[in-house]
Amino acid sequence: MIPLRRPLSRAAAATGLAAALLLVAGCGSGVIADAAPDDAGASTTIENCGREVVVDGAPEAAVGMHPAQTELLLRLGLADRLVGQAQAASQALPDDVASLAADVPVLGDVAPPSREDLLAVEPDFVYSPTTYEFSADQGFASIEQLGDAGAAVYVAAGGCQDRRMSGEVADLFADLENLGEIFGVQDAAEELIADSRADLDAVSAAVADVEPLRVAQVFYDGGALQAIGAGVEYDMLRLAGADNVYAPDQDAFSDFFAAAITPESLAAEEPDAIVFSTYDDAHEAATRDYLTTTFPDMPAVREGRLIAVSSSDVFPGTLGNIAVVEQVAEGLYPEAF
């Protein structure tokens, strides 16, 4: 089982929401210590977000642009290649890898680093969850500026703009395969993929014979209620054995993975369970209070099936995606585990 992560802070959640708007506007996870490149001298070309990423030799100065990406690099045995970890305050690294990053410089707090701060560590490889981290109008280094400085940029497959609406949990495996090739650590990448697939297979086997529950995925904050009906968020619930109330083939989610809804429309769906993401304990408490007081007669509330997941774990291309699949499945069908 992938270790669950600490929820995002309010500021970090705001950053994540901005990223989403710009985009479409441990059991199974060990650490490979001191991974040696299998083919360190090779030049690698990867198709990523509609562009070619060319890497000459295994990178020696990498930056993880979010703790989820930093974690993956650490689990691949690449701690000695890291020259920066960005947005480090937005999410705690799992305990079993946190010490490996103790000496890695922190770039920024809960927001992506400024152009100057990122370029100052002279990276030759920058790995990001989304394209938002390269928004020049926000003061961040653009992909072009990083390229001019000699850094290759790789974005998680599920965080690419053209993939945001149709992303799947399995996009993570494409990222790991690409990272394995880029850094010459194919064996470590394949081991992590195998462990992660085993976690998903275990969930699939456990829920194979359940009677699917109708599940609504929502986000509530500041009095506004949104439904989530597409992208990797939808796929996580599908893999958990849920019958999604909101789905990509619905008009509301034809252009964006989230849509504003009224309390009345949610009540009319009478979901058996509600999954909602939260960025800290206070946000979870506020959301639970809203749902329980607004929908006291809803099956999800009556049956106590209000499942909170960490906002950081629904970022595209993270091990947290698999953790959410496990968490939701266990919350929906505890008797199957």
Protein backbone atom coordinates (compact mmCIF):
# COMPACT_ATOMS: atom_id res chain seq x y z
CA MET A 1 0.00 0.00 0.00
CA ILE A 2 1.32 3.45 -0.93
CA PRO A 3 1.76 5.65 2.18
CA LEU A 4 -0.92 8.36 2.40
CA ARG A 5 0.34 11.91 2.34
CA ARG A 6 -0.35 14.93 4.51
CA PRO A 7 -3.08 17.13 2.99
CA LEU A 8 -2.20 20.40 1.30
CA SER A 9 -2.29 23.67 3.17
CA ARG A 10 -4.91 26.24 2.14
CA ALA A 11 -2.31 28.21 0.18
CA ALA A 12 -1.11 25.09 -1.58
CA ALA A 13 -4.66 24.11 -2.47
CA ALA A 14 -5.18 27.52 -4.02
CA THR A 15 -2.07 26.98 -6.10
CA GLY A 16 -3.36 23.58 -7.20
CA LEU A 17 -6.72 25.04 -8.20
CA ALA A 18 -4.99 27.72 -10.23
CA ALA A 19 -2.96 25.03 -11.94
CA ALA A 20 -6.10 23.11 -12.81
CA LEU A 21 -7.76 26.17 -14.28
CA LEU A 22 -4.73 26.92 -16.41
CA LEU A 23 -4.39 23.35 -17.59
CA VAL A 24 -7.71 23.13 -19.29
CA ALA A 25 -8.30 26.61 -19.63
CA GLY A 26 4.78 1.25 2.60
CA CYS A 27 3.92 -1.92 1.19
CA GLY A 28 4.28 -1.54 -2.51
CA SER A 29 6.72 1.36 -2.79
CA GLY A 30 10.29 0.76 -1.78
CA VAL A 31 13.37 2.86 -2.35
CA ILE A 32 16.19 1.83 -4.68
CA ALA A 33 19.36 2.98 -2.94
CA ASP A 34 22.20 4.51 -4.94
CA ALA A 35 20.82 3.53 -8.33
CA ALA A 36 23.51 3.29 -10.97
CA PRO A 37 22.53 4.26 -14.53
CA ASP A 38 22.11 1.27 -16.82
CA ASP A 39 23.06 3.33 -19.89
CA ALA A 40 24.36 6.65 -18.63
CA GLY A 41 25.90 7.88 -21.87
CA ALA A 42 22.87 7.54 -24.12
CA SER A 43 20.90 10.42 -25.57
CA THR A 44 17.19 9.99 -24.95
CA THR A 45 14.26 11.57 -26.80
CA ILE A 46 10.82 11.43 -25.17
CA GLU A 47 7.48 12.70 -26.51
CA ASN A 48 5.94 14.80 -23.73
CA CYS A 49 2.97 17.18 -23.86
CA GLY A 50 3.19 17.44 -27.63
CA ARG A 51 6.90 18.25 -27.76
CA GLU A 52 10.15 16.34 -27.89
CA VAL A 53 12.27 16.25 -24.75
CA VAL A 54 15.88 15.51 -25.62
CA VAL A 55 18.22 14.49 -22.78
CA ASP A 56 21.92 13.98 -23.49
CA GLY A 57 23.14 11.48 -20.94
CA ALA A 58 21.60 10.80 -17.54
CA PRO A 59 20.78 14.10 -15.76
CA GLU A 60 23.02 15.06 -12.85
CA ALA A 61 21.14 18.11 -11.51
CA ALA A 62 17.42 17.40 -11.27
CA VAL A 63 14.65 19.39 -9.62
CA GLY A 64 11.34 17.90 -8.46
CA MET A 65 8.75 20.64 -8.90
CA HIS A 66 6.33 19.14 -6.36
CA PRO A 67 6.87 16.73 -3.46
CA ALA A 68 5.08 14.00 -5.40
CA GLN A 69 7.66 14.27 -8.18
CA THR A 70 10.52 14.55 -5.70
CA GLU A 71 9.25 11.36 -4.06
CA LEU A 72 9.32 9.45 -7.34
CA LEU A 73 12.90 10.53 -8.01
CA LEU A 74 13.89 9.45 -4.51
CA ARG A 75 12.20 6.07 -4.89
CA LEU A 76 14.13 5.55 -8.12
CA GLY A 77 17.38 5.95 -6.16
CA LEU A 78 18.22 9.38 -7.53
CA ALA A 79 18.69 11.35 -4.30
CA ASP A 80 22.26 12.24 -5.24
CA ARG A 81 21.03 13.76 -8.52
CA LEU A 82 18.65 16.24 -6.87
CA VAL A 83 19.69 19.89 -6.64
CA GLY A 84 16.27 21.20 -5.63
CA GLN A 85 12.84 20.25 -4.29
CA ALA A 86 10.06 22.73 -5.04
CA GLN A 87 6.76 23.45 -3.25
CA ALA A 88 8.15 21.38 -0.39
CA ALA A 89 5.84 22.90 2.23
CA SER A 90 2.72 21.88 0.29
CA GLN A 91 3.02 18.19 1.15
CA ALA A 92 5.15 16.12 3.51
CA LEU A 93 7.29 13.43 1.94
CA PRO A 94 6.46 9.93 3.25
CA ASP A 95 8.52 9.01 6.29
CA ASP A 96 10.49 6.31 4.53
CA VAL A 97 12.00 8.72 2.00
CA ALA A 98 11.97 12.06 3.84
CA SER A 99 15.47 11.63 5.23
CA LEU A 100 16.85 11.12 1.72
CA ALA A 101 15.86 14.68 0.85
CA ALA A 102 17.14 16.28 4.06
CA ASP A 103 20.06 17.96 2.29
CA VAL A 104 18.27 18.82 -0.96
CA PRO A 105 17.76 22.60 -1.24
CA VAL A 106 14.15 23.74 -0.90
CA LEU A 107 12.94 26.02 -3.68
CA GLY A 108 9.88 28.04 -2.78
CA ASP A 109 7.32 27.25 -0.11
CA VAL A 110 3.85 26.18 -1.26
CA ALA A 111 4.11 27.88 -4.65
CA PRO A 112 6.46 27.05 -7.54
CA PRO A 113 9.85 28.75 -7.32
CA SER A 114 10.53 32.05 -9.01
CA ARG A 115 12.41 32.07 -12.28
CA GLU A 116 15.52 33.34 -10.54
CA ASP A 117 15.44 30.76 -7.73
CA LEU A 118 15.00 27.84 -10.11
CA LEU A 119 17.69 28.93 -12.55
CA ALA A 120 20.09 29.63 -9.68
CA VAL A 121 20.51 25.91 -8.91
CA GLU A 122 21.47 25.29 -12.56
CA PRO A 123 19.24 22.27 -13.20
CA ASP A 124 19.71 20.02 -16.20
CA PHE A 125 16.35 18.28 -15.67
CA VAL A 126 13.09 19.65 -14.24
CA TYR A 127 10.20 17.29 -13.47
CA SER A 128 6.77 18.80 -12.85
CA PRO A 129 3.20 17.56 -12.18
CA THR A 130 1.59 20.10 -14.54
CA THR A 131 2.44 22.85 -17.00
CA TYR A 132 1.31 25.51 -14.50
CA GLU A 133 4.73 25.46 -12.84
CA PHE A 134 6.17 27.02 -16.02
CA SER A 135 3.76 29.97 -16.30
CA ALA A 136 5.97 32.93 -17.15
CA ASP A 137 3.16 35.37 -16.30
CA GLN A 138 3.33 34.09 -12.71
CA GLY A 139 7.04 34.83 -12.50
CA PHE A 140 8.07 31.20 -13.05
CA ALA A 141 10.71 30.04 -15.52
CA SER A 142 9.08 29.00 -18.77
CA ILE A 143 9.92 25.75 -20.54
CA GLU A 144 11.69 27.79 -23.21
CA GLN A 145 13.77 29.70 -20.65
CA LEU A 146 14.78 26.47 -18.96
CA GLY A 147 15.72 25.00 -22.32
CA ASP A 148 17.90 28.02 -23.08
CA ALA A 149 19.62 27.41 -19.72
CA GLY A 150 20.34 23.80 -20.62
CA ALA A 151 17.57 22.08 -18.67
CA ALA A 152 15.25 19.44 -20.11
CA VAL A 153 11.66 19.71 -18.85
CA TYR A 154 9.35 16.74 -18.28
CA VAL A 155 5.69 17.12 -17.25
CA ALA A 156 3.69 14.24 -15.78
CA ALA A 157 1.69 12.72 -18.63
CA GLY A 158 -1.60 13.26 -16.82
CA GLY A 159 -0.72 16.92 -16.28
CA CYS A 160 -0.36 17.73 -19.96
CA GLN A 161 -3.02 20.14 -21.17
CA ASP A 162 -4.37 17.79 -23.82
CA ARG A 163 -4.54 14.92 -21.33
CA ARG A 164 -6.15 16.64 -18.37
CA MET A 165 -9.70 15.64 -19.32
CA SER A 166 -8.94 12.02 -20.16
CA GLY A 167 -6.09 11.24 -17.76
CA GLU A 168 -5.84 7.86 -16.06
CA VAL A 169 -4.04 6.50 -13.03
CA ALA A 170 -2.00 4.37 -15.44
CA ASP A 171 -0.40 7.54 -16.86
CA LEU A 172 1.93 7.27 -13.87
CA PHE A 173 3.41 4.12 -15.36
CA ALA A 174 4.27 5.91 -18.59
CA ASP A 175 6.05 8.54 -16.49
CA LEU A 176 8.04 5.92 -14.62
CA GLU A 177 9.03 4.18 -17.85
CA ASN A 178 10.20 7.52 -19.27
CA LEU A 179 12.10 8.42 -16.11
CA GLY A 180 13.74 5.02 -16.12
CA GLU A 181 14.93 5.57 -19.67
CA ILE A 182 16.05 9.18 -19.09
CA PHE A 183 18.08 8.38 -15.97
CA GLY A 184 19.15 4.91 -17.03
CA VAL A 185 17.40 3.28 -14.07
CA GLN A 186 15.00 1.04 -15.98
CA ASP A 187 15.17 -1.78 -13.45
CA ALA A 188 14.23 0.51 -10.56
CA ALA A 189 11.37 1.98 -12.59
CA GLU A 190 10.03 -1.44 -13.55
CA GLU A 191 10.14 -2.54 -9.91
CA LEU A 192 8.13 0.47 -8.81
CA ILE A 193 5.64 -0.05 -11.65
CA ALA A 194 5.23 -3.71 -10.72
CA ASP A 195 4.62 -2.87 -7.05
CA SER A 196 2.07 -0.20 -7.98
CA ARG A 197 0.25 -2.46 -10.43
CA ALA A 198 0.10 -5.13 -7.73
CA ASP A 199 -1.63 -2.64 -5.41
CA LEU A 200 -4.20 -1.84 -8.10
CA ASP A 201 -4.69 -5.51 -8.92
CA ALA A 202 -5.36 -6.24 -5.26
CA VAL A 203 -8.09 -3.60 -5.19
CA SER A 204 -9.58 -4.91 -8.44
CA ALA A 205 -9.74 -8.43 -7.05
CA ALA A 206 -11.29 -7.26 -3.80
CA VAL A 207 -14.12 -5.30 -5.46
CA ALA A 208 -14.73 -7.69 -8.36
CA ASP A 209 -17.95 -9.10 -6.91
CA VAL A 210 -19.35 -6.11 -5.02
CA GLU A 211 -22.59 -4.40 -5.92
CA PRO A 212 -21.30 -1.02 -7.14
CA LEU A 213 -22.32 1.98 -5.09
CA ARG A 214 -23.27 5.24 -6.78
CA VAL A 215 -20.60 7.76 -5.80
CA ALA A 216 -20.49 11.52 -6.28
CA GLN A 217 -17.12 13.26 -6.21
CA VAL A 218 -17.27 16.89 -5.09
CA PHE A 219 -15.15 19.77 -3.89
CA TYR A 220 -16.54 22.30 -1.42
CA ASP A 221 -14.87 25.52 -0.33
CA GLY A 222 -15.97 29.02 0.51
CA GLY A 223 -19.64 28.20 0.05
CA ALA A 224 -19.12 26.93 -3.51
CA LEU A 225 -19.91 23.33 -4.46
CA GLN A 226 -18.33 21.65 -7.48
CA ALA A 227 -18.77 18.21 -9.00
CA ILE A 228 -15.78 16.32 -10.44
CA GLY A 229 -16.58 14.23 -13.49
CA ALA A 230 -13.53 13.66 -15.67
CA GLY A 231 -9.77 13.20 -15.71
CA VAL A 232 -7.68 11.12 -13.36
CA GLU A 233 -10.11 11.91 -10.53
CA TYR A 234 -12.86 10.03 -12.39
CA ASP A 235 -10.52 7.13 -13.14
CA MET A 236 -9.53 6.74 -9.49
CA LEU A 237 -13.15 6.18 -8.48
CA ARG A 238 -13.71 3.81 -11.41
CA LEU A 239 -10.76 1.67 -10.32
CA ALA A 240 -12.11 1.69 -6.76
CA GLY A 241 -15.29 -0.02 -7.98
CA ALA A 242 -17.54 3.03 -7.85
CA ASP A 243 -20.46 3.78 -10.15
CA ASN A 244 -19.64 7.43 -10.80
CA VAL A 245 -22.59 9.84 -10.60
CA TYR A 246 -20.63 12.35 -12.68
CA ALA A 247 -18.89 11.19 -15.85
CA PRO A 248 -16.96 12.54 -18.87
CA ASP A 249 -19.82 11.84 -21.28
CA GLN A 250 -22.04 14.35 -19.49
CA ASP A 251 -22.34 17.82 -21.03
CA ALA A 252 -21.21 19.52 -17.81
CA PHE A 253 -17.77 17.92 -18.18
CA SER A 254 -17.28 18.22 -21.92
CA ASP A 255 -14.76 21.07 -21.55
CA PHE A 256 -13.56 20.89 -17.96
CA PHE A 257 -13.21 18.14 -15.37
CA ALA A 258 -15.13 20.14 -12.72
CA ALA A 259 -18.45 21.98 -12.82
CA ALA A 260 -20.36 24.15 -10.38
CA ILE A 261 -23.53 22.48 -9.12
CA THR A 262 -26.41 23.40 -6.85
CA PRO A 263 -27.14 21.59 -3.59
CA GLU A 264 -30.52 20.65 -5.02
CA SER A 265 -28.98 18.87 -8.01
CA LEU A 266 -26.66 16.86 -5.78
CA ALA A 267 -29.52 15.93 -3.46
CA ALA A 268 -31.57 14.74 -6.44
CA GLU A 269 -28.85 12.24 -7.36
CA GLU A 270 -29.14 10.52 -3.95
CA PRO A 271 -25.59 9.14 -4.05
CA ASP A 272 -24.69 6.20 -1.84
CA ALA A 273 -21.34 7.82 -1.04
CA ILE A 274 -19.51 11.10 -1.51
CA VAL A 275 -15.77 11.44 -2.08
CA PHE A 276 -14.31 14.90 -1.46
CA SER A 277 -10.78 16.26 -1.46
CA THR A 278 -9.41 18.40 1.36
CA TYR A 279 -6.24 20.41 1.94
CA ASP A 280 -6.11 20.33 5.75
CA ASP A 281 -8.02 19.14 8.80
CA ALA A 282 -10.04 22.33 9.08
CA HIS A 283 -11.14 22.07 5.46
CA GLU A 284 -12.17 18.45 5.95
CA ALA A 285 -14.18 19.37 9.06
CA ALA A 286 -15.89 22.24 7.26
CA THR A 287 -16.79 20.05 4.29
CA ARG A 288 -18.15 17.26 6.49
CA ASP A 289 -20.22 19.77 8.43
CA TYR A 290 -21.64 21.23 5.22
CA LEU A 291 -22.54 17.83 3.78
CA THR A 292 -24.09 16.46 6.95
CA THR A 293 -26.17 19.55 7.72
CA THR A 294 -27.22 20.26 4.11
CA PHE A 295 -28.06 16.67 3.13
CA PRO A 296 -29.16 14.86 6.31
CA ASP A 297 -31.46 12.50 4.39
CA MET A 298 -28.97 11.63 1.62
CA PRO A 299 -27.97 7.93 1.63
CA ALA A 300 -24.28 8.90 1.70
CA VAL A 301 -24.82 10.87 4.91
CA ARG A 302 -27.20 8.41 6.55
CA GLU A 303 -24.83 5.52 5.91
CA GLY A 304 -21.73 7.46 6.96
CA ARG A 305 -20.05 7.14 3.55
CA LEU A 306 -18.32 10.52 3.36
CA ILE A 307 -14.78 9.77 2.22
CA ALA A 308 -12.15 12.51 2.45
CA VAL A 309 -9.01 12.24 0.32
CA SER A 310 -5.97 14.47 0.31
CA SER A 311 -5.90 17.15 -2.38
CA SER A 312 -2.23 16.36 -2.94
CA ASP A 313 -3.09 12.76 -3.81
CA VAL A 314 -5.33 13.71 -6.73
CA PHE A 315 -2.53 15.57 -8.53
CA PRO A 316 -1.82 13.89 -11.88
CA GLY A 317 1.06 11.45 -12.06
CA THR A 318 1.55 10.71 -8.37
CA LEU A 319 1.73 7.58 -6.25
CA GLY A 320 -1.05 9.26 -4.29
CA ASN A 321 -3.45 8.36 -7.11
CA ILE A 322 -3.00 4.71 -6.21
CA ALA A 323 -3.40 5.51 -2.51
CA VAL A 324 -6.75 7.16 -3.30
CA VAL A 325 -7.94 4.10 -5.22
CA GLU A 326 -7.15 1.94 -2.18
CA GLN A 327 -8.64 4.39 0.30
CA VAL A 328 -11.90 4.88 -1.60
CA ALA A 329 -12.37 1.17 -2.25
CA GLU A 330 -11.87 0.35 1.43
CA GLY A 331 -14.25 3.16 2.40
CA LEU A 332 -16.97 1.95 0.03
CA TYR A 333 -16.60 -1.78 0.57
CA PRO A 334 -14.91 -2.40 3.94
CA GLU A 335 -16.23 -5.95 4.03
CA ALA A 336 -14.18 -6.78 0.91
CA PHE A 337 -10.84 -6.01 2.61
